[in-house]
Amino acid sequence: MLTTIMKCVAILTLPAAMFRDTAPNLGSYPDFVITTAAVFVLVQAVKLRKYWWMAAFATILLFFNPIHSVGLPVTTMIAVEIMTGALFAISLQMLKTNPRMTIASIAVANPKTQSL
């Protein structure tokens, strides 16, 4: 659930990242949010053993690193941000974890069973 929320937050933050040149007061905040969401998705891909997704989100980590950003032209960076948004949107459907089964409790009787 938290990973899904982070994916949605990253998708909503990407337009702010596109206009960071016109709004200098944003700083590296959009990059930090996108990097955090990419880490969450990367961990999810590792658990699911989806190696192509791991590579894609590791690349996103390189592009949006808030500590040392990659110096690309503005038009190229906008294209990267659009592809990043598409990857986050696709990952909402493609990377889903299976729900965990609950552990049966011996202290609580199952209401669907009847004693003999």
PDB file of N, CA and C in Angstrom:
ATOM      1  N   MET A   1       0.819  -1.190   0.000  1.00  0.00           N
ATOM      2  CA  MET A   1       0.000   0.000   0.000  1.00  0.00           C
ATOM      3  C   MET A   1       0.868   1.261   0.000  1.00  0.00           C
ATOM      4  N   LEU A   2       1.924   1.241   0.811  1.00  0.00           N
ATOM      5  CA  LEU A   2       2.802   2.395   0.879  1.00  0.00           C
ATOM      6  C   LEU A   2       3.508   2.615  -0.458  1.00  0.00           C
ATOM      7  N   THR A   3       3.893   1.528  -1.120  1.00  0.00           N
ATOM      8  CA  THR A   3       4.552   1.660  -2.413  1.00  0.00           C
ATOM      9  C   THR A   3       3.607   2.270  -3.438  1.00  0.00           C
ATOM     10  N   THR A   4       2.338   1.873  -3.416  1.00  0.00           N
ATOM     11  CA  THR A   4       1.358   2.440  -4.333  1.00  0.00           C
ATOM     12  C   THR A   4       1.172   3.930  -4.078  1.00  0.00           C
ATOM     13  N   ILE A   5       1.138   4.314  -2.828  1.00  0.00           N
ATOM     14  CA  ILE A   5       1.010   5.731  -2.484  1.00  0.00           C
ATOM     15  C   ILE A   5       2.227   6.507  -2.980  1.00  0.00           C
ATOM     16  N   MET A   6       3.417   5.941  -2.798  1.00  0.00           N
ATOM     17  CA  MET A   6       4.631   6.616  -3.243  1.00  0.00           C
ATOM     18  C   MET A   6       4.676   6.743  -4.759  1.00  0.00           C
ATOM     19  N   LYS A   7       4.170   5.732  -5.478  1.00  0.00           N
ATOM     20  CA  LYS A   7       4.122   5.823  -6.940  1.00  0.00           C
ATOM     21  C   LYS A   7       3.212   6.970  -7.366  1.00  0.00           C
ATOM     22  N   CYS A   8       2.054   7.087  -6.734  1.00  0.00           N
ATOM     23  CA  CYS A   8       1.110   8.163  -7.062  1.00  0.00           C
ATOM     24  C   CYS A   8       1.698   9.527  -6.719  1.00  0.00           C
ATOM     25  N   VAL A   9       2.377   9.633  -5.595  1.00  0.00           N
ATOM     26  CA  VAL A   9       3.006  10.897  -5.207  1.00  0.00           C
ATOM     27  C   VAL A   9       4.089  11.279  -6.208  1.00  0.00           C
ATOM     28  N   ALA A  10       4.847  10.299  -6.678  1.00  0.00           N
ATOM     29  CA  ALA A  10       5.895  10.588  -7.663  1.00  0.00           C
ATOM     30  C   ALA A  10       5.291  11.063  -8.976  1.00  0.00           C
ATOM     31  N   ILE A  11       4.182  10.446  -9.389  1.00  0.00           N
ATOM     32  CA  ILE A  11       3.525  10.877 -10.622  1.00  0.00           C
ATOM     33  C   ILE A  11       3.016  12.308 -10.480  1.00  0.00           C
ATOM     34  N   LEU A  12       2.489  12.634  -9.306  1.00  0.00           N
ATOM     35  CA  LEU A  12       1.988  13.991  -9.078  1.00  0.00           C
ATOM     36  C   LEU A  12       3.116  15.010  -8.921  1.00  0.00           C
ATOM     37  N   THR A  13       4.291  14.564  -8.522  1.00  0.00           N
ATOM     38  CA  THR A  13       5.426  15.468  -8.321  1.00  0.00           C
ATOM     39  C   THR A  13       6.176  15.751  -9.615  1.00  0.00           C
ATOM     40  N   LEU A  14       6.055  14.877 -10.598  1.00  0.00           N
ATOM     41  CA  LEU A  14       6.810  15.059 -11.838  1.00  0.00           C
ATOM     42  C   LEU A  14       6.534  16.386 -12.549  1.00  0.00           C
ATOM     43  N   PRO A  15       5.297  16.897 -12.597  1.00  0.00           N
ATOM     44  CA  PRO A  15       5.131  18.222 -13.215  1.00  0.00           C
ATOM     45  C   PRO A  15       5.912  19.329 -12.496  1.00  0.00           C
ATOM     46  N   ALA A  16       6.041  19.231 -11.190  1.00  0.00           N
ATOM     47  CA  ALA A  16       6.857  20.212 -10.463  1.00  0.00           C
ATOM     48  C   ALA A  16       8.317  20.092 -10.860  1.00  0.00           C
ATOM     49  N   ALA A  17       8.764  18.869 -11.123  1.00  0.00           N
ATOM     50  CA  ALA A  17      10.152  18.681 -11.548  1.00  0.00           C
ATOM     51  C   ALA A  17      10.379  19.262 -12.942  1.00  0.00           C
ATOM     52  N   MET A  18       9.348  19.214 -13.785  1.00  0.00           N
ATOM     53  CA  MET A  18       9.489  19.754 -15.140  1.00  0.00           C
ATOM     54  C   MET A  18       9.645  21.272 -15.133  1.00  0.00           C
ATOM     55  N   PHE A  19       9.035  21.930 -14.157  1.00  0.00           N
ATOM     56  CA  PHE A  19       9.073  23.386 -14.116  1.00  0.00           C
ATOM     57  C   PHE A  19      10.011  23.918 -13.048  1.00  0.00           C
ATOM     58  N   ARG A  20      11.009  23.143 -12.664  1.00  0.00           N
ATOM     59  CA  ARG A  20      11.917  23.609 -11.612  1.00  0.00           C
ATOM     60  C   ARG A  20      12.783  24.766 -12.072  1.00  0.00           C
ATOM     61  N   ASP A  21      12.987  24.900 -13.397  1.00  0.00           N
ATOM     62  CA  ASP A  21      13.777  26.030 -13.886  1.00  0.00           C
ATOM     63  C   ASP A  21      13.016  27.342 -13.754  1.00  0.00           C
ATOM     64  N   THR A  22      11.677  27.283 -13.886  1.00  0.00           N
ATOM     65  CA  THR A  22      10.891  28.508 -13.767  1.00  0.00           C
ATOM     66  C   THR A  22      10.548  28.829 -12.315  1.00  0.00           C
ATOM     67  N   ALA A  23      10.625  27.836 -11.439  1.00  0.00           N
ATOM     68  CA  ALA A  23      10.343  28.058 -10.015  1.00  0.00           C
ATOM     69  C   ALA A  23      11.564  27.650  -9.202  1.00  0.00           C
ATOM     70  N   PRO A  24      12.529  28.545  -9.036  1.00  0.00           N
ATOM     71  CA  PRO A  24      13.772  28.170  -8.346  1.00  0.00           C
ATOM     72  C   PRO A  24      13.601  27.887  -6.861  1.00  0.00           C
ATOM     73  N   ASN A  25      12.475  28.264  -6.273  1.00  0.00           N
ATOM     74  CA  ASN A  25      12.293  28.018  -4.842  1.00  0.00           C
ATOM     75  C   ASN A  25      11.979  26.552  -4.546  1.00  0.00           C
ATOM     76  N   LEU A  26      11.714  25.735  -5.581  1.00  0.00           N
ATOM     77  CA  LEU A  26      11.468  24.312  -5.353  1.00  0.00           C
ATOM     78  C   LEU A  26      12.741  23.577  -4.940  1.00  0.00           C
ATOM     79  N   GLY A  27      13.866  24.026  -5.438  1.00  0.00           N
ATOM     80  CA  GLY A  27      15.126  23.366  -5.104  1.00  0.00           C
ATOM     81  C   GLY A  27      15.154  21.936  -5.608  1.00  0.00           C
ATOM     82  N   SER A  28      15.633  21.019  -4.783  1.00  0.00           N
ATOM     83  CA  SER A  28      15.708  19.616  -5.180  1.00  0.00           C
ATOM     84  C   SER A  28      14.596  18.790  -4.554  1.00  0.00           C
ATOM     85  N   TYR A  29      13.549  19.457  -4.059  1.00  0.00           N
ATOM     86  CA  TYR A  29      12.434  18.732  -3.445  1.00  0.00           C
ATOM     87  C   TYR A  29      11.791  17.725  -4.389  1.00  0.00           C
ATOM     88  N   PRO A  30      11.453  18.081  -5.644  1.00  0.00           N
ATOM     89  CA  PRO A  30      10.865  17.075  -6.537  1.00  0.00           C
ATOM     90  C   PRO A  30      11.816  15.903  -6.786  1.00  0.00           C
ATOM     91  N   ASP A  31      13.100  16.190  -6.915  1.00  0.00           N
ATOM     92  CA  ASP A  31      14.061  15.105  -7.118  1.00  0.00           C
ATOM     93  C   ASP A  31      14.098  14.167  -5.914  1.00  0.00           C
ATOM     94  N   PHE A  32      14.022  14.731  -4.718  1.00  0.00           N
ATOM     95  CA  PHE A  32      14.030  13.909  -3.508  1.00  0.00           C
ATOM     96  C   PHE A  32      12.806  13.004  -3.455  1.00  0.00           C
ATOM     97  N   VAL A  33      11.631  13.533  -3.789  1.00  0.00           N
ATOM     98  CA  VAL A  33      10.397  12.732  -3.760  1.00  0.00           C
ATOM     99  C   VAL A  33      10.449  11.626  -4.805  1.00  0.00           C
ATOM    100  N   ILE A  34      10.900  11.959  -6.011  1.00  0.00           N
ATOM    101  CA  ILE A  34      10.963  10.964  -7.084  1.00  0.00           C
ATOM    102  C   ILE A  34      11.994   9.895  -6.747  1.00  0.00           C
ATOM    103  N   THR A  35      13.124  10.291  -6.176  1.00  0.00           N
ATOM    104  CA  THR A  35      14.146   9.321  -5.788  1.00  0.00           C
ATOM    105  C   THR A  35      13.637   8.396  -4.689  1.00  0.00           C
ATOM    106  N   THR A  36      12.927   8.942  -3.716  1.00  0.00           N
ATOM    107  CA  THR A  36      12.367   8.124  -2.639  1.00  0.00           C
ATOM    108  C   THR A  36      11.363   7.117  -3.194  1.00  0.00           C
ATOM    109  N   ALA A  37      10.494   7.571  -4.090  1.00  0.00           N
ATOM    110  CA  ALA A  37       9.521   6.662  -4.692  1.00  0.00           C
ATOM    111  C   ALA A  37      10.213   5.595  -5.527  1.00  0.00           C
ATOM    112  N   ALA A  38      11.282   5.969  -6.232  1.00  0.00           N
ATOM    113  CA  ALA A  38      12.020   4.991  -7.031  1.00  0.00           C
ATOM    114  C   ALA A  38      12.679   3.939  -6.144  1.00  0.00           C
ATOM    115  N   VAL A  39      13.140   4.337  -4.963  1.00  0.00           N
ATOM    116  CA  VAL A  39      13.718   3.369  -4.022  1.00  0.00           C
ATOM    117  C   VAL A  39      12.645   2.376  -3.564  1.00  0.00           C
ATOM    118  N   PHE A  40      11.446   2.882  -3.268  1.00  0.00           N
ATOM    119  CA  PHE A  40      10.361   1.994  -2.862  1.00  0.00           C
ATOM    120  C   PHE A  40      10.029   0.991  -3.966  1.00  0.00           C
ATOM    121  N   VAL A  41       9.941   1.468  -5.200  1.00  0.00           N
ATOM    122  CA  VAL A  41       9.615   0.572  -6.318  1.00  0.00           C
ATOM    123  C   VAL A  41      10.774  -0.385  -6.589  1.00  0.00           C
ATOM    124  N   LEU A  42      11.994   0.084  -6.418  1.00  0.00           N
ATOM    125  CA  LEU A  42      13.159  -0.784  -6.604  1.00  0.00           C
ATOM    126  C   LEU A  42      13.146  -1.925  -5.600  1.00  0.00           C
ATOM    127  N   VAL A  43      12.829  -1.628  -4.349  1.00  0.00           N
ATOM    128  CA  VAL A  43      12.738  -2.680  -3.331  1.00  0.00           C
ATOM    129  C   VAL A  43      11.614  -3.659  -3.675  1.00  0.00           C
ATOM    130  N   GLN A  44      10.489  -3.134  -4.165  1.00  0.00           N
ATOM    131  CA  GLN A  44       9.380  -4.002  -4.566  1.00  0.00           C
ATOM    132  C   GLN A  44       9.794  -4.896  -5.733  1.00  0.00           C
ATOM    133  N   ALA A  45      10.530  -4.360  -6.694  1.00  0.00           N
ATOM    134  CA  ALA A  45      10.985  -5.154  -7.834  1.00  0.00           C
ATOM    135  C   ALA A  45      11.981  -6.219  -7.399  1.00  0.00           C
ATOM    136  N   VAL A  46      12.811  -5.902  -6.416  1.00  0.00           N
ATOM    137  CA  VAL A  46      13.759  -6.901  -5.895  1.00  0.00           C
ATOM    138  C   VAL A  46      12.998  -8.054  -5.255  1.00  0.00           C
ATOM    139  N   LYS A  47      11.965  -7.734  -4.461  1.00  0.00           N
ATOM    140  CA  LYS A  47      11.181  -8.786  -3.811  1.00  0.00           C
ATOM    141  C   LYS A  47      10.451  -9.658  -4.822  1.00  0.00           C
ATOM    142  N   LEU A  48      10.014  -9.041  -5.930  1.00  0.00           N
ATOM    143  CA  LEU A  48       9.292  -9.794  -6.960  1.00  0.00           C
ATOM    144  C   LEU A  48      10.222 -10.424  -7.990  1.00  0.00           C
ATOM    145  N   ARG A  49      11.512 -10.140  -7.891  1.00  0.00           N
ATOM    146  CA  ARG A  49      12.535 -10.639  -8.814  1.00  0.00           C
ATOM    147  C   ARG A  49      12.253 -10.227 -10.259  1.00  0.00           C
ATOM    148  N   LYS A  50      11.893  -8.973 -10.433  1.00  0.00           N
ATOM    149  CA  LYS A  50      11.646  -8.392 -11.751  1.00  0.00           C
ATOM    150  C   LYS A  50      12.875  -7.567 -12.124  1.00  0.00           C
ATOM    151  N   TYR A  51      13.797  -8.195 -12.852  1.00  0.00           N
ATOM    152  CA  TYR A  51      15.106  -7.604 -13.083  1.00  0.00           C
ATOM    153  C   TYR A  51      15.060  -6.408 -14.034  1.00  0.00           C
ATOM    154  N   TRP A  52      14.195  -6.406 -15.027  1.00  0.00           N
ATOM    155  CA  TRP A  52      14.087  -5.260 -15.926  1.00  0.00           C
ATOM    156  C   TRP A  52      13.558  -4.038 -15.194  1.00  0.00           C
ATOM    157  N   TRP A  53      12.622  -4.255 -14.288  1.00  0.00           N
ATOM    158  CA  TRP A  53      12.105  -3.144 -13.493  1.00  0.00           C
ATOM    159  C   TRP A  53      13.177  -2.608 -12.554  1.00  0.00           C
ATOM    160  N   MET A  54      13.982  -3.513 -12.019  1.00  0.00           N
ATOM    161  CA  MET A  54      15.076  -3.071 -11.142  1.00  0.00           C
ATOM    162  C   MET A  54      16.038  -2.170 -11.915  1.00  0.00           C
ATOM    163  N   ALA A  55      16.367  -2.561 -13.133  1.00  0.00           N
ATOM    164  CA  ALA A  55      17.284  -1.761 -13.951  1.00  0.00           C
ATOM    165  C   ALA A  55      16.665  -0.412 -14.310  1.00  0.00           C
ATOM    166  N   ALA A  56      15.378  -0.416 -14.635  1.00  0.00           N
ATOM    167  CA  ALA A  56      14.712   0.837 -15.013  1.00  0.00           C
ATOM    168  C   ALA A  56      14.684   1.822 -13.843  1.00  0.00           C
ATOM    169  N   PHE A  57      14.357   1.336 -12.656  1.00  0.00           N
ATOM    170  CA  PHE A  57      14.269   2.249 -11.518  1.00  0.00           C
ATOM    171  C   PHE A  57      15.640   2.587 -10.933  1.00  0.00           C
ATOM    172  N   ALA A  58      16.637   1.764 -11.166  1.00  0.00           N
ATOM    173  CA  ALA A  58      18.006   2.147 -10.800  1.00  0.00           C
ATOM    174  C   ALA A  58      18.479   3.288 -11.697  1.00  0.00           C
ATOM    175  N   THR A  59      18.067   3.265 -12.958  1.00  0.00           N
ATOM    176  CA  THR A  59      18.391   4.368 -13.872  1.00  0.00           C
ATOM    177  C   THR A  59      17.684   5.648 -13.448  1.00  0.00           C
ATOM    178  N   ILE A  60      16.433   5.522 -13.006  1.00  0.00           N
ATOM    179  CA  ILE A  60      15.708   6.692 -12.501  1.00  0.00           C
ATOM    180  C   ILE A  60      16.431   7.273 -11.293  1.00  0.00           C
ATOM    181  N   LEU A  61      16.960   6.397 -10.437  1.00  0.00           N
ATOM    182  CA  LEU A  61      17.724   6.882  -9.278  1.00  0.00           C
ATOM    183  C   LEU A  61      18.934   7.695  -9.719  1.00  0.00           C
ATOM    184  N   LEU A  62      19.581   7.286 -10.802  1.00  0.00           N
ATOM    185  CA  LEU A  62      20.738   8.036 -11.285  1.00  0.00           C
ATOM    186  C   LEU A  62      20.345   9.400 -11.835  1.00  0.00           C
ATOM    187  N   PHE A  63      19.233   9.473 -12.568  1.00  0.00           N
ATOM    188  CA  PHE A  63      18.819  10.736 -13.171  1.00  0.00           C
ATOM    189  C   PHE A  63      18.305  11.747 -12.151  1.00  0.00           C
ATOM    190  N   PHE A  64      17.610  11.271 -11.120  1.00  0.00           N
ATOM    191  CA  PHE A  64      16.962  12.185 -10.178  1.00  0.00           C
ATOM    192  C   PHE A  64      17.656  12.235  -8.822  1.00  0.00           C
ATOM    193  N   ASN A  65      18.898  11.872  -8.756  1.00  0.00           N
ATOM    194  CA  ASN A  65      19.643  11.921  -7.507  1.00  0.00           C
ATOM    195  C   ASN A  65      19.727  13.371  -7.024  1.00  0.00           C
ATOM    196  N   PRO A  66      19.159  13.685  -5.847  1.00  0.00           N
ATOM    197  CA  PRO A  66      19.174  15.084  -5.395  1.00  0.00           C
ATOM    198  C   PRO A  66      20.544  15.561  -4.921  1.00  0.00           C
ATOM    199  N   ILE A  67      21.447  14.655  -4.630  1.00  0.00           N
ATOM    200  CA  ILE A  67      22.771  15.053  -4.143  1.00  0.00           C
ATOM    201  C   ILE A  67      23.678  15.449  -5.299  1.00  0.00           C
ATOM    202  N   HIS A  68      23.687  14.618  -6.343  1.00  0.00           N
ATOM    203  CA  HIS A  68      24.523  14.903  -7.520  1.00  0.00           C
ATOM    204  C   HIS A  68      23.673  14.661  -8.757  1.00  0.00           C
ATOM    205  N   SER A  69      23.081  15.708  -9.274  1.00  0.00           N
ATOM    206  CA  SER A  69      22.179  15.557 -10.412  1.00  0.00           C
ATOM    207  C   SER A  69      22.963  15.463 -11.717  1.00  0.00           C
ATOM    208  N   VAL A  70      22.329  14.822 -12.687  1.00  0.00           N
ATOM    209  CA  VAL A  70      22.925  14.669 -14.007  1.00  0.00           C
ATOM    210  C   VAL A  70      22.650  15.946 -14.793  1.00  0.00           C
ATOM    211  N   GLY A  71      23.682  16.482 -15.406  1.00  0.00           N
ATOM    212  CA  GLY A  71      23.521  17.721 -16.163  1.00  0.00           C
ATOM    213  C   GLY A  71      23.103  17.437 -17.592  1.00  0.00           C
ATOM    214  N   LEU A  72      21.804  17.414 -17.845  1.00  0.00           N
ATOM    215  CA  LEU A  72      21.273  17.192 -19.190  1.00  0.00           C
ATOM    216  C   LEU A  72      20.597  18.468 -19.670  1.00  0.00           C
ATOM    217  N   PRO A  73      20.497  18.634 -20.982  1.00  0.00           N
ATOM    218  CA  PRO A  73      19.737  19.791 -21.487  1.00  0.00           C
ATOM    219  C   PRO A  73      18.276  19.717 -21.044  1.00  0.00           C
ATOM    220  N   VAL A  74      17.620  20.869 -21.010  1.00  0.00           N
ATOM    221  CA  VAL A  74      16.256  20.955 -20.491  1.00  0.00           C
ATOM    222  C   VAL A  74      15.306  20.077 -21.297  1.00  0.00           C
ATOM    223  N   THR A  75      15.421  20.090 -22.615  1.00  0.00           N
ATOM    224  CA  THR A  75      14.500  19.290 -23.439  1.00  0.00           C
ATOM    225  C   THR A  75      14.706  17.801 -23.211  1.00  0.00           C
ATOM    226  N   THR A  76      15.937  17.387 -23.044  1.00  0.00           N
ATOM    227  CA  THR A  76      16.216  15.976 -22.768  1.00  0.00           C
ATOM    228  C   THR A  76      15.681  15.584 -21.401  1.00  0.00           C
ATOM    229  N   MET A  77      15.847  16.460 -20.419  1.00  0.00           N
ATOM    230  CA  MET A  77      15.372  16.162 -19.071  1.00  0.00           C
ATOM    231  C   MET A  77      13.852  16.089 -19.015  1.00  0.00           C
ATOM    232  N   ILE A  78      13.165  16.920 -19.801  1.00  0.00           N
ATOM    233  CA  ILE A  78      11.707  16.837 -19.854  1.00  0.00           C
ATOM    234  C   ILE A  78      11.275  15.507 -20.453  1.00  0.00           C
ATOM    235  N   ALA A  79      11.984  15.044 -21.480  1.00  0.00           N
ATOM    236  CA  ALA A  79      11.669  13.733 -22.066  1.00  0.00           C
ATOM    237  C   ALA A  79      11.909  12.619 -21.052  1.00  0.00           C
ATOM    238  N   VAL A  80      12.985  12.717 -20.275  1.00  0.00           N
ATOM    239  CA  VAL A  80      13.269  11.722 -19.234  1.00  0.00           C
ATOM    240  C   VAL A  80      12.178  11.751 -18.170  1.00  0.00           C
ATOM    241  N   GLU A  81      11.712  12.933 -17.804  1.00  0.00           N
ATOM    242  CA  GLU A  81      10.657  13.049 -16.794  1.00  0.00           C
ATOM    243  C   GLU A  81       9.330  12.474 -17.286  1.00  0.00           C
ATOM    244  N   ILE A  82       9.021  12.645 -18.564  1.00  0.00           N
ATOM    245  CA  ILE A  82       7.804  12.056 -19.125  1.00  0.00           C
ATOM    246  C   ILE A  82       7.900  10.532 -19.132  1.00  0.00           C
ATOM    247  N   MET A  83       9.072  10.007 -19.518  1.00  0.00           N
ATOM    248  CA  MET A  83       9.263   8.545 -19.500  1.00  0.00           C
ATOM    249  C   MET A  83       9.217   8.013 -18.071  1.00  0.00           C
ATOM    250  N   THR A  84       9.726   8.783 -17.121  1.00  0.00           N
ATOM    251  CA  THR A  84       9.684   8.371 -15.720  1.00  0.00           C
ATOM    252  C   THR A  84       8.250   8.296 -15.230  1.00  0.00           C
ATOM    253  N   GLY A  85       7.452   9.290 -15.571  1.00  0.00           N
ATOM    254  CA  GLY A  85       6.037   9.265 -15.204  1.00  0.00           C
ATOM    255  C   GLY A  85       5.323   8.068 -15.808  1.00  0.00           C
ATOM    256  N   ALA A  86       5.655   7.748 -17.053  1.00  0.00           N
ATOM    257  CA  ALA A  86       5.052   6.574 -17.696  1.00  0.00           C
ATOM    258  C   ALA A  86       5.473   5.291 -16.995  1.00  0.00           C
ATOM    259  N   LEU A  87       6.739   5.201 -16.598  1.00  0.00           N
ATOM    260  CA  LEU A  87       7.201   4.005 -15.884  1.00  0.00           C
ATOM    261  C   LEU A  87       6.504   3.843 -14.537  1.00  0.00           C
ATOM    262  N   PHE A  88       6.346   4.942 -13.814  1.00  0.00           N
ATOM    263  CA  PHE A  88       5.627   4.856 -12.545  1.00  0.00           C
ATOM    264  C   PHE A  88       4.175   4.446 -12.765  1.00  0.00           C
ATOM    265  N   ALA A  89       3.539   4.995 -13.802  1.00  0.00           N
ATOM    266  CA  ALA A  89       2.141   4.653 -14.077  1.00  0.00           C
ATOM    267  C   ALA A  89       1.998   3.184 -14.492  1.00  0.00           C
ATOM    268  N   ILE A  90       2.904   2.697 -15.315  1.00  0.00           N
ATOM    269  CA  ILE A  90       2.851   1.293 -15.744  1.00  0.00           C
ATOM    270  C   ILE A  90       3.148   0.378 -14.570  1.00  0.00           C
ATOM    271  N   SER A  91       4.062   0.797 -13.710  1.00  0.00           N
ATOM    272  CA  SER A  91       4.409  -0.058 -12.569  1.00  0.00           C
ATOM    273  C   SER A  91       3.258  -0.200 -11.583  1.00  0.00           C
ATOM    274  N   LEU A  92       2.315   0.754 -11.593  1.00  0.00           N
ATOM    275  CA  LEU A  92       1.132   0.616 -10.737  1.00  0.00           C
ATOM    276  C   LEU A  92       0.351  -0.646 -11.090  1.00  0.00           C
ATOM    277  N   GLN A  93       0.317  -1.007 -12.370  1.00  0.00           N
ATOM    278  CA  GLN A  93      -0.410  -2.194 -12.809  1.00  0.00           C
ATOM    279  C   GLN A  93       0.465  -3.438 -12.864  1.00  0.00           C
ATOM    280  N   MET A  94       1.715  -3.273 -13.275  1.00  0.00           N
ATOM    281  CA  MET A  94       2.571  -4.434 -13.530  1.00  0.00           C
ATOM    282  C   MET A  94       3.238  -4.999 -12.271  1.00  0.00           C
ATOM    283  N   LEU A  95       3.553  -4.159 -11.322  1.00  0.00           N
ATOM    284  CA  LEU A  95       4.242  -4.617 -10.112  1.00  0.00           C
ATOM    285  C   LEU A  95       3.265  -4.635  -8.947  1.00  0.00           C
ATOM    286  N   LYS A  96       2.616  -5.734  -8.770  1.00  0.00           N
ATOM    287  CA  LYS A  96       1.694  -5.885  -7.647  1.00  0.00           C
ATOM    288  C   LYS A  96       2.139  -7.076  -6.816  1.00  0.00           C
ATOM    289  N   THR A  97       2.197  -6.877  -5.530  1.00  0.00           N
ATOM    290  CA  THR A  97       2.553  -7.971  -4.646  1.00  0.00           C
ATOM    291  C   THR A  97       1.305  -8.762  -4.297  1.00  0.00           C
ATOM    292  N   ASN A  98       1.495 -10.031  -4.073  1.00  0.00           N
ATOM    293  CA  ASN A  98       0.375 -10.871  -3.668  1.00  0.00           C
ATOM    294  C   ASN A  98       0.050 -10.593  -2.209  1.00  0.00           C
ATOM    295  N   PRO A  99      -1.244 -10.551  -1.860  1.00  0.00           N
ATOM    296  CA  PRO A  99      -1.578 -10.310  -0.457  1.00  0.00           C
ATOM    297  C   PRO A  99      -1.125 -11.473   0.421  1.00  0.00           C
ATOM    298  N   ARG A 100      -0.709 -11.138   1.619  1.00  0.00           N
ATOM    299  CA  ARG A 100      -0.266 -12.174   2.548  1.00  0.00           C
ATOM    300  C   ARG A 100      -1.461 -12.885   3.147  1.00  0.00           C
ATOM    301  N   MET A 101      -1.306 -14.161   3.343  1.00  0.00           N
ATOM    302  CA  MET A 101      -2.354 -14.940   3.976  1.00  0.00           C
ATOM    303  C   MET A 101      -2.300 -14.676   5.480  1.00  0.00           C
ATOM    304  N   THR A 102      -3.455 -14.600   6.083  1.00  0.00           N
ATOM    305  CA  THR A 102      -3.486 -14.391   7.527  1.00  0.00           C
ATOM    306  C   THR A 102      -3.227 -15.711   8.234  1.00  0.00           C
ATOM    307  N   ILE A 103      -2.677 -15.617   9.390  1.00  0.00           N
ATOM    308  CA  ILE A 103      -2.380 -16.808  10.168  1.00  0.00           C
ATOM    309  C   ILE A 103      -3.607 -17.142  11.006  1.00  0.00           C
ATOM    310  N   ALA A 104      -4.011 -18.388  10.936  1.00  0.00           N
ATOM    311  CA  ALA A 104      -5.169 -18.820  11.707  1.00  0.00           C
ATOM    312  C   ALA A 104      -4.829 -18.809  13.187  1.00  0.00           C
ATOM    313  N   SER A 105      -5.733 -18.289  13.959  1.00  0.00           N
ATOM    314  CA  SER A 105      -5.517 -18.200  15.387  1.00  0.00           C
ATOM    315  C   SER A 105      -6.183 -19.386  16.081  1.00  0.00           C
ATOM    316  N   ILE A 106      -5.513 -19.946  17.069  1.00  0.00           N
ATOM    317  CA  ILE A 106      -6.138 -21.035  17.812  1.00  0.00           C
ATOM    318  C   ILE A 106      -6.960 -20.504  18.977  1.00  0.00           C
ATOM    319  N   ALA A 107      -6.815 -19.210  19.274  1.00  0.00           N
ATOM    320  CA  ALA A 107      -7.546 -18.634  20.396  1.00  0.00           C
ATOM    321  C   ALA A 107      -8.967 -18.227  19.999  1.00  0.00           C
ATOM    322  N   VAL A 108      -9.169 -17.905  18.723  1.00  0.00           N
ATOM    323  CA  VAL A 108     -10.470 -17.452  18.265  1.00  0.00           C
ATOM    324  C   VAL A 108     -11.090 -18.555  17.423  1.00  0.00           C
ATOM    325  N   ALA A 109     -12.299 -18.937  17.780  1.00  0.00           N
ATOM    326  CA  ALA A 109     -12.982 -19.988  17.026  1.00  0.00           C
ATOM    327  C   ALA A 109     -13.425 -19.446  15.681  1.00  0.00           C
ATOM    328  N   ASN A 110     -13.390 -20.302  14.681  1.00  0.00           N
ATOM    329  CA  ASN A 110     -13.826 -19.945  13.350  1.00  0.00           C
ATOM    330  C   ASN A 110     -15.349 -19.934  13.338  1.00  0.00           C
ATOM    331  N   PRO A 111     -15.997 -18.811  13.042  1.00  0.00           N
ATOM    332  CA  PRO A 111     -17.457 -18.758  13.116  1.00  0.00           C
ATOM    333  C   PRO A 111     -18.151 -19.600  12.054  1.00  0.00           C
ATOM    334  N   LYS A 112     -17.464 -20.047  11.031  1.00  0.00           N
ATOM    335  CA  LYS A 112     -18.102 -20.842   9.984  1.00  0.00           C
ATOM    336  C   LYS A 112     -18.134 -22.321  10.325  1.00  0.00           C
ATOM    337  N   THR A 113     -17.431 -22.729  11.359  1.00  0.00           N
ATOM    338  CA  THR A 113     -17.431 -24.151  11.736  1.00  0.00           C
ATOM    339  C   THR A 113     -18.333 -24.366  12.942  1.00  0.00           C
ATOM    340  N   GLN A 114     -18.831 -25.539  13.039  1.00  0.00           N
ATOM    341  CA  GLN A 114     -19.672 -25.890  14.190  1.00  0.00           C
ATOM    342  C   GLN A 114     -19.054 -27.093  14.878  1.00  0.00           C
ATOM    343  N   SER A 115     -19.219 -27.132  16.180  1.00  0.00           N
ATOM    344  CA  SER A 115     -18.694 -28.276  16.902  1.00  0.00           C
ATOM    345  C   SER A 115     -19.640 -29.461  16.751  1.00  0.00           C
ATOM    346  N   LEU A 116     -19.076 -30.652  16.903  1.00  0.00           N
ATOM    347  CA  LEU A 116     -19.882 -31.863  16.753  1.00  0.00           C
ATOM    348  C   LEU A 116     -20.590 -32.179  17.982  1.00  0.00           C
TER     349      LEU A 116
END
